[in-house]
């Protein structure tokens, strides 16, 4: 799937790896789907497609079960720009991406862009899996205040304990494409989950994406 438009992509070559060994090379069909009959185990799906950032994601396959990971590849951008994608499983149904800009602007489904559309939410998803995608075309700094990206569990917001658990178990994956580097953050292991929100990463003046710590909660408030 195109992470910005949400459109299915036909004829995209993929690789399924177990360790460093390629065990399957399926192509996507008109629905943007592919299939590979492989034994239970841990794998990496790798996608390289002209005009898009390279993509890889770890997938665990269970015996006698069909796995349907949300795989969204992002159109490439200039080295000085950034793109962020959020994907997750079928539950919770609605997770929302937020980006707190150092100037104080908050990009989200209510306010989908800031600074004349140079920082924006490209795609919002309310039906599970995602992706939700954000783009930073131009940087807007305010001293040493970082950008902070976080995810709100909208579906379970009535119960914070339930919302926190839902985020940890959501299979949430955030991919960050920034200054020629790529970063991956997982809801089960990275960042801070608190108050029904997953504080994922921050970008400081060094233009690197670092996992959130407690300072992200303060900046995003």
N, C-alpha and C. Protein backbone atom coordinates (compact mmCIF):
# COMPACT_ATOMS: atom_id res chain seq x y z
N UNK A 1 0.84 -1.20 0.00
CA UNK A 1 0.00 0.00 0.00
C UNK A 1 0.88 1.26 0.00
N UNK A 2 0.43 2.26 -0.77
CA UNK A 2 1.07 3.56 -0.74
C UNK A 2 0.72 4.23 0.58
N UNK A 3 1.72 4.56 1.38
CA UNK A 3 1.47 5.07 2.73
C UNK A 3 0.85 6.45 2.74
N UNK A 4 0.95 7.20 1.65
CA UNK A 4 0.38 8.54 1.59
C UNK A 4 -1.04 8.51 1.03
N UNK A 5 -1.24 7.84 -0.09
CA UNK A 5 -2.56 7.81 -0.74
C UNK A 5 -3.47 6.73 -0.18
N UNK A 6 -2.89 5.65 0.36
CA UNK A 6 -3.67 4.51 0.81
C UNK A 6 -4.04 3.56 -0.31
N UNK A 7 -3.56 3.82 -1.51
CA UNK A 7 -3.91 2.98 -2.66
C UNK A 7 -3.09 1.69 -2.67
N UNK A 8 -3.74 0.60 -3.10
CA UNK A 8 -3.04 -0.67 -3.27
C UNK A 8 -2.03 -0.54 -4.40
N UNK A 9 -0.93 -1.29 -4.29
CA UNK A 9 0.14 -1.23 -5.28
C UNK A 9 0.35 -2.61 -5.89
N UNK A 10 0.21 -2.69 -7.21
CA UNK A 10 0.33 -3.93 -7.96
C UNK A 10 1.77 -4.09 -8.46
N UNK A 11 2.26 -5.32 -8.49
CA UNK A 11 3.55 -5.61 -9.11
C UNK A 11 4.75 -5.15 -8.33
N UNK A 12 4.64 -5.07 -7.02
CA UNK A 12 5.77 -4.67 -6.18
C UNK A 12 6.51 -5.94 -5.73
N UNK A 13 7.80 -5.97 -5.97
CA UNK A 13 8.61 -7.13 -5.60
C UNK A 13 8.92 -7.08 -4.11
N UNK A 14 8.72 -8.21 -3.43
CA UNK A 14 9.02 -8.31 -2.00
C UNK A 14 9.97 -9.48 -1.76
N UNK A 15 10.66 -9.41 -0.66
CA UNK A 15 11.50 -10.52 -0.22
C UNK A 15 11.11 -10.89 1.21
N UNK A 16 11.03 -12.19 1.47
CA UNK A 16 10.81 -12.69 2.81
C UNK A 16 12.09 -13.38 3.25
N UNK A 17 12.67 -12.90 4.34
CA UNK A 17 13.95 -13.42 4.80
C UNK A 17 13.81 -14.09 6.15
N UNK A 18 14.56 -15.18 6.32
CA UNK A 18 14.73 -15.80 7.63
C UNK A 18 16.21 -15.67 7.97
N UNK A 19 16.49 -14.75 8.87
CA UNK A 19 17.89 -14.38 9.08
C UNK A 19 18.37 -13.63 7.86
N UNK A 20 19.44 -14.12 7.23
CA UNK A 20 19.95 -13.49 6.01
C UNK A 20 19.55 -14.25 4.75
N UNK A 21 18.79 -15.34 4.91
CA UNK A 21 18.40 -16.17 3.77
C UNK A 21 17.04 -15.74 3.22
N UNK A 22 16.97 -15.51 1.92
CA UNK A 22 15.71 -15.19 1.26
C UNK A 22 14.95 -16.49 1.02
N UNK A 23 13.76 -16.60 1.61
CA UNK A 23 12.99 -17.85 1.50
C UNK A 23 11.82 -17.72 0.54
N UNK A 24 11.47 -16.49 0.14
CA UNK A 24 10.38 -16.29 -0.82
C UNK A 24 10.53 -14.92 -1.46
N UNK A 25 10.07 -14.82 -2.72
CA UNK A 25 10.13 -13.56 -3.47
C UNK A 25 8.78 -13.28 -4.13
N UNK A 26 7.74 -13.09 -3.37
CA UNK A 26 6.42 -12.88 -3.97
C UNK A 26 6.26 -11.47 -4.54
N UNK A 27 5.32 -11.34 -5.49
CA UNK A 27 4.95 -10.04 -6.05
C UNK A 27 3.54 -9.70 -5.56
N UNK A 28 3.28 -8.41 -5.37
CA UNK A 28 1.93 -8.02 -4.96
C UNK A 28 0.98 -8.10 -6.14
N UNK A 29 -0.30 -8.37 -5.83
CA UNK A 29 -1.34 -8.41 -6.86
C UNK A 29 -2.08 -7.07 -6.92
N UNK A 30 -3.16 -7.03 -7.64
CA UNK A 30 -3.90 -5.77 -7.82
C UNK A 30 -4.50 -5.22 -6.55
N UNK A 31 -4.62 -6.06 -5.53
CA UNK A 31 -5.12 -5.61 -4.23
C UNK A 31 -3.99 -5.22 -3.28
N UNK A 32 -2.75 -5.23 -3.81
CA UNK A 32 -1.61 -4.90 -2.97
C UNK A 32 -1.23 -6.01 -2.00
N UNK A 33 -1.68 -7.23 -2.29
CA UNK A 33 -1.44 -8.36 -1.39
C UNK A 33 -0.46 -9.34 -2.03
N UNK A 34 0.21 -10.12 -1.20
CA UNK A 34 1.06 -11.21 -1.69
C UNK A 34 0.93 -12.38 -0.73
N UNK A 35 1.32 -13.55 -1.19
CA UNK A 35 1.24 -14.74 -0.34
C UNK A 35 2.54 -15.52 -0.44
N UNK A 36 2.88 -16.18 0.65
CA UNK A 36 4.07 -17.04 0.69
C UNK A 36 3.79 -18.15 1.69
N UNK A 37 3.96 -19.39 1.27
CA UNK A 37 3.77 -20.54 2.16
C UNK A 37 5.10 -20.85 2.84
N UNK A 38 5.21 -20.49 4.10
CA UNK A 38 6.46 -20.64 4.83
C UNK A 38 6.18 -21.25 6.21
N UNK A 39 7.17 -21.95 6.78
CA UNK A 39 6.98 -22.57 8.11
C UNK A 39 6.86 -21.51 9.20
N UNK A 40 6.37 -21.93 10.35
CA UNK A 40 6.30 -21.03 11.50
C UNK A 40 7.70 -20.54 11.85
N UNK A 41 7.76 -19.29 12.31
CA UNK A 41 9.05 -18.72 12.69
C UNK A 41 9.06 -17.21 12.57
N UNK A 42 10.23 -16.64 12.75
CA UNK A 42 10.42 -15.19 12.67
C UNK A 42 11.05 -14.82 11.35
N UNK A 43 10.47 -13.82 10.69
CA UNK A 43 10.91 -13.42 9.36
C UNK A 43 11.01 -11.90 9.26
N UNK A 44 11.66 -11.46 8.21
CA UNK A 44 11.68 -10.04 7.85
C UNK A 44 11.15 -9.90 6.44
N UNK A 45 10.18 -9.00 6.25
CA UNK A 45 9.68 -8.68 4.92
C UNK A 45 10.41 -7.43 4.45
N UNK A 46 11.02 -7.52 3.29
CA UNK A 46 11.78 -6.40 2.75
C UNK A 46 11.20 -5.99 1.39
N UNK A 47 11.02 -4.70 1.21
CA UNK A 47 10.46 -4.17 -0.04
C UNK A 47 11.35 -3.05 -0.54
N UNK A 48 11.72 -3.13 -1.81
CA UNK A 48 12.48 -2.07 -2.46
C UNK A 48 11.78 -1.76 -3.78
N UNK A 49 11.32 -0.52 -3.94
CA UNK A 49 10.53 -0.16 -5.11
C UNK A 49 10.92 1.25 -5.56
N UNK A 50 11.09 1.40 -6.87
CA UNK A 50 11.56 2.68 -7.40
C UNK A 50 10.63 3.82 -6.99
N UNK A 51 11.22 4.91 -6.50
CA UNK A 51 10.46 6.08 -6.11
C UNK A 51 9.94 6.04 -4.69
N UNK A 52 10.30 4.98 -3.94
CA UNK A 52 9.84 4.82 -2.56
C UNK A 52 11.03 4.54 -1.66
N UNK A 53 10.87 4.90 -0.38
CA UNK A 53 11.87 4.51 0.59
C UNK A 53 11.89 3.00 0.73
N UNK A 54 13.09 2.43 0.91
CA UNK A 54 13.19 1.00 1.20
C UNK A 54 12.46 0.71 2.50
N UNK A 55 11.91 -0.49 2.58
CA UNK A 55 11.06 -0.84 3.72
C UNK A 55 11.41 -2.24 4.20
N UNK A 56 11.44 -2.41 5.53
CA UNK A 56 11.57 -3.75 6.09
C UNK A 56 10.80 -3.81 7.39
N UNK A 57 10.23 -4.98 7.68
CA UNK A 57 9.45 -5.15 8.90
C UNK A 57 9.52 -6.60 9.35
N UNK A 58 9.71 -6.81 10.63
CA UNK A 58 9.75 -8.16 11.19
C UNK A 58 8.33 -8.70 11.34
N UNK A 59 8.19 -9.98 11.05
CA UNK A 59 6.89 -10.65 11.11
C UNK A 59 7.07 -12.02 11.76
N UNK A 60 6.17 -12.36 12.65
CA UNK A 60 6.18 -13.69 13.27
C UNK A 60 5.05 -14.53 12.69
N UNK A 61 5.39 -15.70 12.20
CA UNK A 61 4.41 -16.61 11.60
C UNK A 61 4.15 -17.76 12.56
N UNK A 62 2.87 -18.00 12.84
CA UNK A 62 2.45 -19.10 13.72
C UNK A 62 1.94 -20.25 12.87
N UNK A 63 2.19 -21.45 13.31
CA UNK A 63 1.79 -22.64 12.55
C UNK A 63 0.30 -22.65 12.26
N UNK A 64 -0.06 -22.98 11.02
CA UNK A 64 -1.44 -23.15 10.58
C UNK A 64 -2.27 -21.87 10.67
N UNK A 65 -1.61 -20.72 10.67
CA UNK A 65 -2.33 -19.45 10.70
C UNK A 65 -1.87 -18.55 9.56
N UNK A 66 -2.80 -17.71 9.10
CA UNK A 66 -2.48 -16.73 8.08
C UNK A 66 -2.14 -15.41 8.75
N UNK A 67 -1.00 -14.84 8.38
CA UNK A 67 -0.55 -13.57 8.94
C UNK A 67 -0.77 -12.48 7.89
N UNK A 68 -1.38 -11.38 8.32
CA UNK A 68 -1.66 -10.27 7.40
C UNK A 68 -1.07 -8.97 7.97
N UNK A 69 0.24 -8.81 7.90
CA UNK A 69 0.84 -7.59 8.43
C UNK A 69 0.48 -6.38 7.57
N UNK A 70 0.37 -5.23 8.21
CA UNK A 70 0.11 -3.99 7.47
C UNK A 70 1.43 -3.45 6.95
N UNK A 71 1.61 -3.52 5.64
CA UNK A 71 2.87 -3.10 5.02
C UNK A 71 2.60 -1.91 4.10
N UNK A 72 3.03 -0.73 4.52
CA UNK A 72 2.79 0.49 3.76
C UNK A 72 4.14 1.12 3.43
N UNK A 73 4.40 1.33 2.14
CA UNK A 73 5.68 1.92 1.75
C UNK A 73 5.47 3.40 1.39
N UNK A 74 6.45 4.20 1.77
CA UNK A 74 6.31 5.65 1.69
C UNK A 74 7.05 6.22 0.48
N UNK A 75 6.39 7.08 -0.31
CA UNK A 75 7.09 7.75 -1.41
C UNK A 75 8.31 8.50 -0.90
N UNK A 76 9.41 8.38 -1.62
CA UNK A 76 10.67 9.01 -1.22
C UNK A 76 10.56 10.53 -1.29
N UNK A 77 11.38 11.21 -0.48
CA UNK A 77 11.40 12.66 -0.41
C UNK A 77 12.84 13.15 -0.44
N UNK A 78 13.00 14.46 -0.43
CA UNK A 78 14.32 15.05 -0.39
C UNK A 78 15.02 14.70 0.93
N UNK A 79 16.34 14.69 0.90
CA UNK A 79 17.15 14.32 2.06
C UNK A 79 16.81 15.18 3.27
N UNK A 80 16.47 16.43 3.05
CA UNK A 80 16.22 17.37 4.14
C UNK A 80 14.82 17.26 4.73
N UNK A 81 13.98 16.43 4.15
CA UNK A 81 12.60 16.28 4.59
C UNK A 81 12.40 14.96 5.32
N UNK A 82 11.22 14.77 5.91
CA UNK A 82 10.98 13.56 6.70
C UNK A 82 9.56 13.05 6.48
N UNK A 83 9.42 11.73 6.62
CA UNK A 83 8.11 11.11 6.53
C UNK A 83 8.01 10.06 7.64
N UNK A 84 6.81 9.94 8.24
CA UNK A 84 6.56 9.02 9.36
C UNK A 84 5.32 8.21 9.05
N UNK A 85 5.39 6.89 9.24
CA UNK A 85 4.21 6.04 9.06
C UNK A 85 3.94 5.26 10.34
N UNK A 86 2.66 5.10 10.64
CA UNK A 86 2.19 4.30 11.77
C UNK A 86 1.29 3.20 11.24
N UNK A 87 1.58 1.96 11.61
CA UNK A 87 0.69 0.85 11.29
C UNK A 87 0.52 -0.01 12.54
N UNK A 88 -0.54 -0.80 12.56
CA UNK A 88 -0.82 -1.65 13.72
C UNK A 88 -1.74 -2.78 13.30
N UNK A 89 -2.22 -3.57 14.25
CA UNK A 89 -3.09 -4.69 13.94
C UNK A 89 -4.55 -4.30 13.85
N UNK A 90 -5.42 -5.29 13.93
CA UNK A 90 -6.86 -5.03 13.79
C UNK A 90 -7.45 -4.33 15.01
N UNK A 91 -6.78 -4.47 16.16
CA UNK A 91 -7.28 -3.89 17.40
C UNK A 91 -6.13 -3.24 18.15
N UNK A 92 -6.38 -2.07 18.73
CA UNK A 92 -7.60 -1.25 18.74
C UNK A 92 -7.94 -0.73 17.34
N UNK A 93 -9.20 -0.49 17.12
CA UNK A 93 -9.65 -0.14 15.78
C UNK A 93 -9.13 1.23 15.34
N UNK A 94 -9.10 2.19 16.28
CA UNK A 94 -8.73 3.55 15.90
C UNK A 94 -7.59 4.07 16.77
N UNK A 95 -6.39 4.14 16.20
CA UNK A 95 -5.26 4.82 16.80
C UNK A 95 -5.01 6.10 16.02
N UNK A 96 -4.65 7.17 16.72
CA UNK A 96 -4.45 8.46 16.07
C UNK A 96 -3.02 8.97 16.28
N UNK A 97 -2.40 9.39 15.18
CA UNK A 97 -1.05 9.93 15.22
C UNK A 97 -1.09 11.43 15.52
N UNK A 98 -0.16 11.86 16.37
CA UNK A 98 -0.01 13.27 16.72
C UNK A 98 1.46 13.67 16.58
N UNK A 99 1.70 14.89 16.10
CA UNK A 99 3.05 15.43 16.04
C UNK A 99 3.04 16.83 16.65
N UNK A 100 3.75 16.97 17.77
CA UNK A 100 3.89 18.29 18.41
C UNK A 100 5.11 18.98 17.82
N UNK A 101 4.88 20.10 17.14
CA UNK A 101 5.93 20.89 16.51
C UNK A 101 6.53 21.82 17.56
N UNK A 102 7.84 22.09 17.52
CA UNK A 102 8.44 22.95 18.54
C UNK A 102 7.80 24.33 18.68
N UNK A 103 7.15 24.82 17.63
CA UNK A 103 6.47 26.12 17.71
C UNK A 103 5.18 26.06 18.51
N UNK A 104 4.74 24.84 18.89
CA UNK A 104 3.52 24.67 19.66
C UNK A 104 2.36 24.12 18.87
N UNK A 105 2.45 24.11 17.55
CA UNK A 105 1.39 23.57 16.71
C UNK A 105 1.30 22.05 16.89
N UNK A 106 0.10 21.51 16.90
CA UNK A 106 -0.13 20.08 17.08
C UNK A 106 -0.86 19.53 15.87
N UNK A 107 -0.17 18.72 15.08
CA UNK A 107 -0.76 18.12 13.88
C UNK A 107 -1.45 16.83 14.28
N UNK A 108 -2.71 16.68 13.88
CA UNK A 108 -3.49 15.49 14.21
C UNK A 108 -4.74 15.48 13.34
N UNK A 109 -5.66 14.56 13.60
CA UNK A 109 -6.84 14.44 12.73
C UNK A 109 -7.76 15.65 12.82
N UNK A 110 -7.67 16.41 13.92
CA UNK A 110 -8.48 17.61 14.03
C UNK A 110 -7.85 18.79 13.28
N UNK A 111 -6.54 18.90 13.36
CA UNK A 111 -5.79 19.95 12.66
C UNK A 111 -4.74 19.24 11.81
N UNK A 112 -5.04 19.04 10.55
CA UNK A 112 -4.24 18.14 9.73
C UNK A 112 -2.99 18.77 9.14
N UNK A 113 -2.77 20.06 9.35
CA UNK A 113 -1.52 20.65 8.88
C UNK A 113 -1.18 21.90 9.68
N UNK A 114 0.10 22.25 9.65
CA UNK A 114 0.62 23.46 10.28
C UNK A 114 1.58 24.14 9.32
N UNK A 115 1.81 25.43 9.56
CA UNK A 115 2.81 26.18 8.82
C UNK A 115 2.63 26.02 7.31
N UNK A 116 1.43 26.40 6.87
CA UNK A 116 1.10 26.42 5.43
C UNK A 116 1.32 25.06 4.78
N UNK A 117 0.89 24.02 5.47
CA UNK A 117 0.88 22.65 4.96
C UNK A 117 2.27 22.03 4.82
N UNK A 118 3.30 22.66 5.39
CA UNK A 118 4.65 22.08 5.31
C UNK A 118 4.87 21.01 6.38
N UNK A 119 3.98 20.92 7.36
CA UNK A 119 3.95 19.83 8.33
C UNK A 119 2.51 19.34 8.34
N UNK A 120 2.28 18.06 8.00
CA UNK A 120 0.89 17.65 7.79
C UNK A 120 0.67 16.16 8.07
N UNK A 121 -0.59 15.87 8.35
CA UNK A 121 -1.08 14.49 8.40
C UNK A 121 -1.62 14.17 7.01
N UNK A 122 -0.96 13.25 6.31
CA UNK A 122 -1.37 12.89 4.95
C UNK A 122 -2.56 11.94 4.95
N UNK A 123 -2.59 11.05 5.94
CA UNK A 123 -3.60 10.00 5.92
C UNK A 123 -4.02 9.63 7.33
N UNK A 124 -5.33 9.61 7.56
CA UNK A 124 -5.91 9.19 8.84
C UNK A 124 -6.67 7.88 8.61
N UNK A 125 -6.57 6.95 9.56
CA UNK A 125 -7.25 5.67 9.42
C UNK A 125 -8.05 5.38 10.68
N UNK A 126 -9.29 4.94 10.53
CA UNK A 126 -10.15 4.68 11.69
C UNK A 126 -10.64 3.23 11.72
N UNK A 127 -10.10 2.38 10.86
CA UNK A 127 -10.61 1.01 10.72
C UNK A 127 -9.58 -0.07 11.03
N UNK A 128 -8.54 0.28 11.78
CA UNK A 128 -7.53 -0.71 12.10
C UNK A 128 -6.47 -0.85 11.03
N UNK A 129 -5.29 -1.23 11.42
CA UNK A 129 -4.14 -1.53 10.57
C UNK A 129 -3.38 -0.28 10.13
N UNK A 130 -4.07 0.81 9.79
CA UNK A 130 -3.38 1.98 9.25
C UNK A 130 -3.16 1.83 7.76
N UNK A 131 -2.21 2.58 7.19
CA UNK A 131 -1.29 3.46 7.92
C UNK A 131 -1.87 4.84 8.19
N UNK A 132 -1.30 5.50 9.20
CA UNK A 132 -1.42 6.94 9.33
C UNK A 132 -0.04 7.51 9.01
N UNK A 133 -0.03 8.54 8.20
CA UNK A 133 1.23 9.03 7.64
C UNK A 133 1.35 10.53 7.83
N UNK A 134 2.54 10.97 8.25
CA UNK A 134 2.84 12.39 8.40
C UNK A 134 4.05 12.76 7.58
N UNK A 135 4.07 14.03 7.15
CA UNK A 135 5.17 14.55 6.33
C UNK A 135 5.66 15.86 6.91
N UNK A 136 6.98 15.99 6.98
CA UNK A 136 7.62 17.26 7.34
C UNK A 136 8.42 17.72 6.12
N UNK A 137 7.91 18.72 5.43
CA UNK A 137 8.60 19.26 4.26
C UNK A 137 9.55 20.39 4.63
N UNK A 138 9.26 21.07 5.72
CA UNK A 138 10.09 22.19 6.16
C UNK A 138 10.14 22.17 7.69
N UNK A 139 11.33 22.40 8.25
CA UNK A 139 11.51 22.34 9.69
C UNK A 139 11.22 23.69 10.32
N UNK A 140 10.57 23.64 11.48
CA UNK A 140 10.21 24.85 12.21
C UNK A 140 10.71 24.69 13.64
N UNK A 141 11.83 25.35 13.94
CA UNK A 141 12.50 25.18 15.22
C UNK A 141 12.11 26.28 16.20
N UNK A 142 12.27 25.96 17.49
CA UNK A 142 12.08 26.94 18.56
C UNK A 142 13.07 26.58 19.66
N UNK A 143 14.29 27.11 19.56
CA UNK A 143 15.33 26.77 20.51
C UNK A 143 15.68 25.30 20.44
N UNK A 144 15.81 24.67 21.61
CA UNK A 144 16.16 23.25 21.67
C UNK A 144 14.95 22.34 21.84
N UNK A 145 13.74 22.89 21.73
CA UNK A 145 12.54 22.07 21.89
C UNK A 145 12.44 21.06 20.75
N UNK A 146 12.24 19.78 21.05
CA UNK A 146 12.18 18.78 19.99
C UNK A 146 10.79 18.64 19.38
N UNK A 147 10.74 18.03 18.21
CA UNK A 147 9.48 17.50 17.69
C UNK A 147 9.17 16.24 18.51
N UNK A 148 7.89 16.02 18.82
CA UNK A 148 7.50 14.81 19.55
C UNK A 148 6.33 14.16 18.81
N UNK A 149 6.51 12.89 18.49
CA UNK A 149 5.47 12.10 17.82
C UNK A 149 4.88 11.12 18.82
N UNK A 150 3.54 11.12 18.93
CA UNK A 150 2.90 10.17 19.82
C UNK A 150 1.59 9.66 19.22
N UNK A 151 1.06 8.60 19.83
CA UNK A 151 -0.12 7.91 19.32
C UNK A 151 -1.16 7.83 20.43
N UNK A 152 -2.38 8.23 20.12
CA UNK A 152 -3.48 8.18 21.09
C UNK A 152 -4.40 7.01 20.76
N UNK A 153 -4.73 6.23 21.78
CA UNK A 153 -5.66 5.10 21.63
C UNK A 153 -7.08 5.65 21.76
N UNK A 154 -7.65 6.08 20.64
CA UNK A 154 -8.98 6.67 20.64
C UNK A 154 -10.05 5.65 21.00
N UNK A 155 -9.90 4.43 20.51
CA UNK A 155 -10.93 3.41 20.68
C UNK A 155 -11.18 3.05 22.14
N UNK A 156 -10.14 3.14 22.97
CA UNK A 156 -10.26 2.71 24.37
C UNK A 156 -10.00 3.86 25.34
N UNK A 157 -10.29 5.08 24.90
CA UNK A 157 -9.93 6.24 25.70
C UNK A 157 -10.72 6.35 27.00
N UNK A 158 -11.83 5.64 27.14
CA UNK A 158 -12.63 5.72 28.36
C UNK A 158 -12.01 5.03 29.55
N UNK A 159 -10.99 4.19 29.31
CA UNK A 159 -10.34 3.45 30.40
C UNK A 159 -8.84 3.47 30.13
N UNK A 160 -8.10 4.28 30.92
CA UNK A 160 -6.68 4.47 30.63
C UNK A 160 -5.88 3.18 30.77
N UNK A 161 -6.17 2.37 31.78
CA UNK A 161 -5.44 1.12 31.95
C UNK A 161 -5.66 0.20 30.74
N UNK A 162 -6.90 0.12 30.29
CA UNK A 162 -7.23 -0.69 29.12
C UNK A 162 -6.58 -0.11 27.87
N UNK A 163 -6.57 1.22 27.77
CA UNK A 163 -5.96 1.88 26.62
C UNK A 163 -4.46 1.63 26.57
N UNK A 164 -3.80 1.68 27.73
CA UNK A 164 -2.36 1.42 27.78
C UNK A 164 -2.04 -0.01 27.35
N UNK A 165 -2.82 -0.96 27.87
CA UNK A 165 -2.62 -2.36 27.48
C UNK A 165 -2.89 -2.56 26.00
N UNK A 166 -3.95 -1.90 25.51
CA UNK A 166 -4.27 -2.00 24.08
C UNK A 166 -3.14 -1.51 23.20
N UNK A 167 -2.47 -0.44 23.62
CA UNK A 167 -1.34 0.08 22.85
C UNK A 167 -0.17 -0.90 22.85
N UNK A 168 0.14 -1.46 24.03
CA UNK A 168 1.27 -2.39 24.10
C UNK A 168 1.03 -3.62 23.22
N UNK A 169 -0.23 -4.04 23.12
CA UNK A 169 -0.54 -5.27 22.39
C UNK A 169 -1.02 -5.02 20.96
N UNK A 170 -0.95 -3.77 20.52
CA UNK A 170 -1.51 -3.42 19.21
C UNK A 170 -0.65 -3.87 18.04
N UNK A 171 0.58 -4.27 18.31
CA UNK A 171 1.49 -4.55 17.21
C UNK A 171 1.86 -3.28 16.46
N UNK A 172 1.87 -2.16 17.18
CA UNK A 172 2.15 -0.87 16.55
C UNK A 172 3.59 -0.77 16.08
N UNK A 173 3.75 -0.28 14.85
CA UNK A 173 5.08 -0.06 14.28
C UNK A 173 5.11 1.32 13.66
N UNK A 174 6.12 2.10 14.03
CA UNK A 174 6.33 3.42 13.45
C UNK A 174 7.64 3.41 12.69
N UNK A 175 7.57 3.79 11.41
CA UNK A 175 8.76 3.94 10.57
C UNK A 175 9.03 5.42 10.36
N UNK A 176 10.28 5.81 10.57
CA UNK A 176 10.68 7.21 10.39
C UNK A 176 11.77 7.27 9.33
N UNK A 177 11.55 8.11 8.32
CA UNK A 177 12.53 8.34 7.26
C UNK A 177 13.03 9.77 7.43
N UNK A 178 14.32 9.92 7.76
CA UNK A 178 14.83 11.21 8.20
C UNK A 178 16.31 11.36 7.85
N UNK A 179 16.62 12.39 7.07
CA UNK A 179 18.01 12.75 6.76
C UNK A 179 18.83 11.55 6.26
N UNK A 180 18.22 10.75 5.41
CA UNK A 180 18.92 9.62 4.82
C UNK A 180 18.96 8.38 5.70
N UNK A 181 18.44 8.48 6.92
CA UNK A 181 18.40 7.33 7.83
C UNK A 181 16.97 6.85 8.01
N UNK A 182 16.84 5.59 8.47
CA UNK A 182 15.53 5.02 8.77
C UNK A 182 15.52 4.48 10.19
N UNK A 183 14.41 4.71 10.87
CA UNK A 183 14.25 4.26 12.25
C UNK A 183 12.94 3.49 12.36
N UNK A 184 12.93 2.48 13.23
CA UNK A 184 11.72 1.70 13.47
C UNK A 184 11.48 1.62 14.97
N UNK A 185 10.24 1.89 15.38
CA UNK A 185 9.85 1.83 16.79
C UNK A 185 8.64 0.92 16.93
N UNK A 186 8.64 0.10 17.98
CA UNK A 186 7.56 -0.86 18.21
C UNK A 186 6.85 -0.55 19.53
N UNK A 187 5.53 -0.67 19.52
CA UNK A 187 4.75 -0.30 20.70
C UNK A 187 5.03 -1.20 21.89
N UNK A 188 5.46 -2.43 21.65
CA UNK A 188 5.70 -3.37 22.74
C UNK A 188 6.99 -3.08 23.50
N UNK A 189 7.92 -2.36 22.85
CA UNK A 189 9.26 -2.24 23.44
C UNK A 189 9.81 -0.82 23.52
N UNK A 190 9.31 0.09 22.70
CA UNK A 190 9.96 1.40 22.57
C UNK A 190 9.09 2.54 23.07
N UNK A 191 9.74 3.60 23.54
CA UNK A 191 9.03 4.79 23.96
C UNK A 191 8.37 4.64 25.32
N UNK A 192 7.38 5.49 25.57
CA UNK A 192 6.67 5.55 26.85
C UNK A 192 5.18 5.44 26.61
N UNK A 193 4.52 4.53 27.31
CA UNK A 193 3.05 4.42 27.25
C UNK A 193 2.48 4.92 28.57
N UNK A 194 1.64 5.92 28.47
CA UNK A 194 1.11 6.58 29.66
C UNK A 194 -0.16 7.33 29.31
N UNK A 195 -1.18 7.19 30.14
CA UNK A 195 -2.40 7.95 29.95
C UNK A 195 -3.12 7.67 28.65
N UNK A 196 -3.03 6.43 28.16
CA UNK A 196 -3.69 6.07 26.91
C UNK A 196 -2.98 6.57 25.68
N UNK A 197 -1.70 6.97 25.84
CA UNK A 197 -0.92 7.46 24.71
C UNK A 197 0.44 6.76 24.67
N UNK A 198 0.90 6.52 23.46
CA UNK A 198 2.24 5.96 23.24
C UNK A 198 3.12 7.08 22.72
N UNK A 199 4.04 7.55 23.56
CA UNK A 199 5.00 8.58 23.16
C UNK A 199 6.16 7.86 22.48
N UNK A 200 6.30 8.06 21.19
CA UNK A 200 7.13 7.17 20.37
C UNK A 200 8.56 7.68 20.22
N UNK A 201 8.72 8.86 19.64
CA UNK A 201 10.07 9.36 19.40
C UNK A 201 10.08 10.89 19.41
N UNK A 202 11.31 11.43 19.50
CA UNK A 202 11.51 12.87 19.43
C UNK A 202 12.64 13.16 18.46
N UNK A 203 12.57 14.31 17.81
CA UNK A 203 13.61 14.76 16.88
C UNK A 203 14.14 16.08 17.39
N UNK A 204 15.41 16.10 17.78
CA UNK A 204 16.04 17.31 18.27
C UNK A 204 16.77 18.05 17.16
N UNK A 205 17.61 18.98 17.55
CA UNK A 205 18.34 19.80 16.58
C UNK A 205 19.42 19.02 15.85
N UNK A 206 19.73 17.78 16.31
CA UNK A 206 20.72 16.96 15.62
C UNK A 206 20.10 16.15 14.49
N UNK A 207 18.78 16.32 14.27
CA UNK A 207 18.07 15.65 13.17
C UNK A 207 18.19 14.13 13.23
N UNK A 208 18.09 13.57 14.43
CA UNK A 208 17.98 12.12 14.59
C UNK A 208 16.70 11.82 15.38
N UNK A 209 16.14 10.66 15.15
CA UNK A 209 14.93 10.23 15.86
C UNK A 209 15.34 9.35 17.03
N UNK A 210 15.01 9.78 18.24
CA UNK A 210 15.38 9.05 19.45
C UNK A 210 14.11 8.57 20.17
N UNK A 211 14.16 7.36 20.78
CA UNK A 211 12.97 6.88 21.50
C UNK A 211 12.57 7.87 22.59
N UNK A 212 11.29 8.03 22.79
CA UNK A 212 10.80 8.95 23.81
C UNK A 212 11.16 8.46 25.21
N UNK A 213 11.43 9.45 26.08
CA UNK A 213 11.52 9.22 27.51
C UNK A 213 10.47 10.11 28.16
N UNK A 214 10.54 10.29 29.47
CA UNK A 214 9.52 11.06 30.17
C UNK A 214 9.46 12.51 29.71
N UNK A 215 10.55 13.04 29.15
CA UNK A 215 10.54 14.42 28.70
C UNK A 215 9.54 14.64 27.57
N UNK A 216 9.25 13.62 26.79
CA UNK A 216 8.28 13.74 25.69
C UNK A 216 6.89 14.06 26.23
N UNK A 217 6.55 13.47 27.37
CA UNK A 217 5.24 13.70 27.95
C UNK A 217 5.08 15.18 28.30
N UNK A 218 6.15 15.78 28.84
CA UNK A 218 6.12 17.19 29.21
C UNK A 218 6.01 18.08 27.98
N UNK A 219 6.82 17.78 26.95
CA UNK A 219 6.82 18.62 25.74
C UNK A 219 5.48 18.55 25.03
N UNK A 220 4.87 17.37 25.00
CA UNK A 220 3.63 17.18 24.26
C UNK A 220 2.40 17.71 24.99
N UNK A 221 2.55 18.02 26.28
CA UNK A 221 1.41 18.46 27.07
C UNK A 221 0.86 19.79 26.56
